[in-house]
Amino acid sequence: MSMQDMYLSAFKQEHWDTFVELFDEWYATLPTEWKEEARLRGIPEDIGRVLLCEMKDSALKWIEKKVPALGDQSPASYLETEEGTNALRAAILRMPR
């Protein structure tokens, strides 16, 4: 089983939705330029909301890097399919905080 498959099997939309809501107020205070850059890179708004709040503009570099916890794939490569996007959401939920 690939890392992507493992994360996808753990993904629960309701858990993700509840998590994303935690960032609503904080996200509103972030620079518009960061949000626009995330949109231009194809990062879904909900994922961008979490990553930008937690990682600031470093998230825009991280999204392109190979990540060992993602099976040495980039987060951007996960965004190529809906299944991969949901797997990335599950992986983000598991990131240490």
N, C-alpha and C. Protein backbone atom coordinates (compact mmCIF):
# COMPACT_ATOMS: atom_id res chain seq x y z
N MET A 1 0.85 -1.17 0.00
CA MET A 1 0.00 0.00 0.00
C MET A 1 0.90 1.24 0.00
N SER A 2 0.62 2.17 -0.89
CA SER A 2 1.39 3.40 -0.97
C SER A 2 1.01 4.33 0.19
N MET A 3 1.86 5.31 0.43
CA MET A 3 1.56 6.30 1.47
C MET A 3 0.26 7.03 1.12
N GLN A 4 0.10 7.35 -0.15
CA GLN A 4 -1.12 8.05 -0.57
C GLN A 4 -2.35 7.20 -0.26
N ASP A 5 -2.29 5.91 -0.56
CA ASP A 5 -3.42 5.02 -0.28
C ASP A 5 -3.68 4.93 1.22
N MET A 6 -2.62 4.89 2.01
CA MET A 6 -2.76 4.81 3.46
C MET A 6 -3.48 6.06 3.99
N TYR A 7 -3.04 7.22 3.54
CA TYR A 7 -3.68 8.46 3.99
C TYR A 7 -5.13 8.53 3.51
N LEU A 8 -5.35 8.14 2.26
CA LEU A 8 -6.70 8.20 1.71
C LEU A 8 -7.65 7.31 2.52
N SER A 9 -7.18 6.15 2.92
CA SER A 9 -8.05 5.24 3.69
C SER A 9 -8.42 5.82 5.05
N ALA A 10 -7.61 6.76 5.55
CA ALA A 10 -7.88 7.37 6.85
C ALA A 10 -8.68 8.67 6.75
N PHE A 11 -8.91 9.15 5.54
CA PHE A 11 -9.56 10.46 5.37
C PHE A 11 -11.04 10.41 5.74
N LYS A 12 -11.45 11.35 6.57
CA LYS A 12 -12.85 11.54 6.95
C LYS A 12 -13.20 13.01 6.73
N GLN A 13 -14.08 13.27 5.78
CA GLN A 13 -14.43 14.65 5.41
C GLN A 13 -14.90 15.46 6.61
N GLU A 14 -15.72 14.88 7.46
CA GLU A 14 -16.25 15.63 8.60
C GLU A 14 -15.14 16.05 9.57
N HIS A 15 -14.12 15.22 9.74
CA HIS A 15 -12.99 15.58 10.59
C HIS A 15 -12.22 16.75 9.97
N TRP A 16 -11.99 16.67 8.66
CA TRP A 16 -11.29 17.74 7.96
C TRP A 16 -12.05 19.06 8.06
N ASP A 17 -13.35 19.01 7.80
CA ASP A 17 -14.17 20.23 7.83
C ASP A 17 -14.11 20.90 9.20
N THR A 18 -14.20 20.12 10.25
CA THR A 18 -14.13 20.65 11.61
C THR A 18 -12.77 21.29 11.87
N PHE A 19 -11.72 20.63 11.41
CA PHE A 19 -10.36 21.14 11.58
C PHE A 19 -10.18 22.47 10.85
N VAL A 20 -10.60 22.54 9.61
CA VAL A 20 -10.43 23.76 8.81
C VAL A 20 -11.13 24.95 9.46
N GLU A 21 -12.28 24.72 10.06
CA GLU A 21 -13.02 25.81 10.71
C GLU A 21 -12.20 26.49 11.81
N LEU A 22 -11.27 25.77 12.40
CA LEU A 22 -10.44 26.35 13.47
C LEU A 22 -9.59 27.52 12.97
N PHE A 23 -9.37 27.59 11.67
CA PHE A 23 -8.46 28.59 11.10
C PHE A 23 -9.19 29.80 10.49
N ASP A 24 -10.51 29.84 10.57
CA ASP A 24 -11.28 30.90 9.91
C ASP A 24 -10.82 32.31 10.28
N GLU A 25 -10.77 32.62 11.55
CA GLU A 25 -10.42 33.98 11.97
C GLU A 25 -8.97 34.32 11.64
N TRP A 26 -8.09 33.39 11.88
CA TRP A 26 -6.67 33.60 11.63
C TRP A 26 -6.42 33.82 10.14
N TYR A 27 -7.06 33.02 9.30
CA TYR A 27 -6.88 33.11 7.85
C TYR A 27 -7.28 34.49 7.33
N ALA A 28 -8.30 35.06 7.92
CA ALA A 28 -8.78 36.38 7.48
C ALA A 28 -7.71 37.46 7.68
N THR A 29 -6.75 37.23 8.56
CA THR A 29 -5.73 38.24 8.85
C THR A 29 -4.47 38.08 7.99
N LEU A 30 -4.39 37.00 7.22
CA LEU A 30 -3.18 36.74 6.42
C LEU A 30 -3.12 37.65 5.20
N PRO A 31 -1.92 37.92 4.71
CA PRO A 31 -1.77 38.77 3.51
C PRO A 31 -2.48 38.18 2.29
N THR A 32 -3.15 39.02 1.58
CA THR A 32 -3.86 38.61 0.37
C THR A 32 -2.89 38.01 -0.66
N GLU A 33 -1.66 38.50 -0.68
CA GLU A 33 -0.67 38.00 -1.65
C GLU A 33 -0.41 36.51 -1.43
N TRP A 34 -0.34 36.08 -0.19
CA TRP A 34 -0.12 34.65 0.10
C TRP A 34 -1.28 33.82 -0.42
N LYS A 35 -2.48 34.29 -0.15
CA LYS A 35 -3.69 33.57 -0.57
C LYS A 35 -3.74 33.47 -2.10
N GLU A 36 -3.41 34.56 -2.77
CA GLU A 36 -3.43 34.58 -4.23
C GLU A 36 -2.36 33.66 -4.80
N GLU A 37 -1.18 33.65 -4.21
CA GLU A 37 -0.11 32.77 -4.67
C GLU A 37 -0.50 31.31 -4.49
N ALA A 38 -1.14 30.99 -3.39
CA ALA A 38 -1.61 29.62 -3.16
C ALA A 38 -2.64 29.23 -4.22
N ARG A 39 -3.55 30.14 -4.52
CA ARG A 39 -4.56 29.88 -5.55
C ARG A 39 -3.91 29.65 -6.90
N LEU A 40 -2.93 30.48 -7.24
CA LEU A 40 -2.25 30.35 -8.53
C LEU A 40 -1.47 29.04 -8.64
N ARG A 41 -1.03 28.52 -7.52
CA ARG A 41 -0.30 27.24 -7.51
C ARG A 41 -1.25 26.04 -7.50
N GLY A 42 -2.54 26.31 -7.51
CA GLY A 42 -3.51 25.22 -7.56
C GLY A 42 -3.80 24.57 -6.22
N ILE A 43 -3.49 25.27 -5.15
CA ILE A 43 -3.75 24.74 -3.82
C ILE A 43 -5.21 25.03 -3.48
N PRO A 44 -6.01 24.00 -3.19
CA PRO A 44 -7.40 24.25 -2.81
C PRO A 44 -7.48 25.20 -1.61
N GLU A 45 -8.50 26.01 -1.56
CA GLU A 45 -8.64 27.04 -0.54
C GLU A 45 -8.59 26.45 0.87
N ASP A 46 -9.23 25.33 1.09
CA ASP A 46 -9.25 24.76 2.44
C ASP A 46 -7.86 24.29 2.87
N ILE A 47 -7.12 23.70 1.97
CA ILE A 47 -5.75 23.27 2.28
C ILE A 47 -4.86 24.49 2.47
N GLY A 48 -4.99 25.48 1.60
CA GLY A 48 -4.23 26.71 1.74
C GLY A 48 -4.52 27.41 3.06
N ARG A 49 -5.76 27.38 3.48
CA ARG A 49 -6.15 28.00 4.74
C ARG A 49 -5.33 27.41 5.90
N VAL A 50 -5.26 26.11 5.96
CA VAL A 50 -4.53 25.44 7.04
C VAL A 50 -3.02 25.67 6.91
N LEU A 51 -2.49 25.41 5.72
CA LEU A 51 -1.04 25.51 5.53
C LEU A 51 -0.52 26.92 5.73
N LEU A 52 -1.22 27.90 5.19
CA LEU A 52 -0.75 29.28 5.34
C LEU A 52 -0.82 29.75 6.79
N CYS A 53 -1.85 29.32 7.51
CA CYS A 53 -1.95 29.69 8.92
C CYS A 53 -0.85 29.03 9.74
N GLU A 54 -0.55 27.79 9.44
CA GLU A 54 0.44 27.07 10.25
C GLU A 54 1.88 27.31 9.80
N MET A 55 2.09 27.47 8.50
CA MET A 55 3.45 27.55 7.97
C MET A 55 3.80 28.91 7.40
N LYS A 56 2.85 29.81 7.40
CA LYS A 56 3.03 31.14 6.78
C LYS A 56 3.39 30.95 5.30
N ASP A 57 4.18 31.86 4.74
CA ASP A 57 4.49 31.76 3.31
C ASP A 57 5.48 30.63 3.00
N SER A 58 6.04 29.98 4.02
CA SER A 58 6.88 28.80 3.79
C SER A 58 6.07 27.67 3.16
N ALA A 59 4.77 27.68 3.36
CA ALA A 59 3.91 26.66 2.77
C ALA A 59 4.00 26.67 1.24
N LEU A 60 4.25 27.83 0.67
CA LEU A 60 4.34 27.95 -0.78
C LEU A 60 5.58 27.27 -1.34
N LYS A 61 6.61 27.14 -0.53
CA LYS A 61 7.81 26.38 -0.92
C LYS A 61 7.63 24.90 -0.59
N TRP A 62 7.06 24.63 0.58
CA TRP A 62 6.87 23.25 1.05
C TRP A 62 6.03 22.44 0.07
N ILE A 63 5.04 23.07 -0.52
CA ILE A 63 4.11 22.35 -1.40
C ILE A 63 4.83 21.71 -2.58
N GLU A 64 6.00 22.23 -2.97
CA GLU A 64 6.75 21.72 -4.11
C GLU A 64 7.85 20.73 -3.72
N LYS A 65 8.17 20.63 -2.43
CA LYS A 65 9.28 19.78 -1.98
C LYS A 65 8.84 18.34 -1.81
N LYS A 66 9.77 17.43 -2.03
CA LYS A 66 9.52 16.02 -1.74
C LYS A 66 9.52 15.84 -0.23
N VAL A 67 8.50 15.16 0.25
CA VAL A 67 8.30 15.00 1.69
C VAL A 67 8.35 13.51 2.04
N PRO A 68 9.27 13.10 2.90
CA PRO A 68 9.37 11.68 3.25
C PRO A 68 8.04 11.09 3.74
N ALA A 69 7.29 11.84 4.54
CA ALA A 69 6.02 11.34 5.07
C ALA A 69 4.96 11.14 3.98
N LEU A 70 5.23 11.68 2.79
CA LEU A 70 4.32 11.49 1.66
C LEU A 70 4.89 10.51 0.66
N GLY A 71 5.77 9.64 1.12
CA GLY A 71 6.39 8.66 0.22
C GLY A 71 7.38 9.31 -0.73
N ASP A 72 8.06 10.36 -0.26
CA ASP A 72 9.02 11.13 -1.06
C ASP A 72 8.39 11.76 -2.30
N GLN A 73 7.12 12.07 -2.20
CA GLN A 73 6.44 12.83 -3.25
C GLN A 73 6.19 14.24 -2.72
N SER A 74 5.94 15.15 -3.62
CA SER A 74 5.62 16.51 -3.19
C SER A 74 4.13 16.61 -2.89
N PRO A 75 3.76 17.50 -1.98
CA PRO A 75 2.35 17.73 -1.77
C PRO A 75 1.64 18.14 -3.07
N ALA A 76 2.33 18.90 -3.92
CA ALA A 76 1.74 19.30 -5.20
C ALA A 76 1.36 18.10 -6.04
N SER A 77 2.16 17.03 -5.99
CA SER A 77 1.83 15.85 -6.78
C SER A 77 0.56 15.17 -6.26
N TYR A 78 0.30 15.29 -4.97
CA TYR A 78 -0.94 14.74 -4.41
C TYR A 78 -2.16 15.51 -4.93
N LEU A 79 -1.96 16.77 -5.26
CA LEU A 79 -3.08 17.61 -5.70
C LEU A 79 -3.53 17.32 -7.14
N GLU A 80 -2.87 16.40 -7.81
CA GLU A 80 -3.20 16.11 -9.20
C GLU A 80 -4.51 15.33 -9.36
N THR A 81 -4.97 14.68 -8.30
CA THR A 81 -6.24 13.94 -8.36
C THR A 81 -7.06 14.25 -7.10
N GLU A 82 -8.34 14.00 -7.16
CA GLU A 82 -9.21 14.19 -5.99
C GLU A 82 -8.81 13.24 -4.87
N GLU A 83 -8.47 12.01 -5.22
CA GLU A 83 -8.05 11.04 -4.21
C GLU A 83 -6.76 11.50 -3.54
N GLY A 84 -5.82 11.98 -4.34
CA GLY A 84 -4.58 12.49 -3.79
C GLY A 84 -4.79 13.71 -2.91
N THR A 85 -5.70 14.58 -3.32
CA THR A 85 -6.01 15.77 -2.54
C THR A 85 -6.58 15.37 -1.18
N ASN A 86 -7.47 14.40 -1.17
CA ASN A 86 -8.03 13.94 0.10
C ASN A 86 -6.96 13.25 0.95
N ALA A 87 -6.06 12.53 0.30
CA ALA A 87 -4.95 11.90 1.03
C ALA A 87 -4.07 12.98 1.66
N LEU A 88 -3.82 14.07 0.94
CA LEU A 88 -3.03 15.17 1.50
C LEU A 88 -3.75 15.79 2.69
N ARG A 89 -5.05 15.94 2.58
CA ARG A 89 -5.83 16.47 3.72
C ARG A 89 -5.63 15.58 4.95
N ALA A 90 -5.70 14.27 4.76
CA ALA A 90 -5.51 13.34 5.88
C ALA A 90 -4.09 13.45 6.43
N ALA A 91 -3.10 13.61 5.55
CA ALA A 91 -1.72 13.74 6.00
C ALA A 91 -1.54 15.04 6.81
N ILE A 92 -2.15 16.11 6.36
CA ILE A 92 -2.06 17.39 7.08
C ILE A 92 -2.67 17.25 8.47
N LEU A 93 -3.77 16.51 8.58
CA LEU A 93 -4.39 16.29 9.89
C LEU A 93 -3.43 15.57 10.84
N ARG A 94 -2.54 14.75 10.29
CA ARG A 94 -1.60 13.97 11.11
C ARG A 94 -0.29 14.70 11.40
N MET A 95 -0.10 15.86 10.79
CA MET A 95 1.14 16.60 11.02
C MET A 95 1.26 16.99 12.48
N PRO A 96 2.45 16.87 13.07
CA PRO A 96 2.62 17.29 14.47
C PRO A 96 2.38 18.79 14.63
N ARG A 97 1.79 19.13 15.74
CA ARG A 97 1.50 20.54 16.04
C ARG A 97 2.02 20.88 17.41
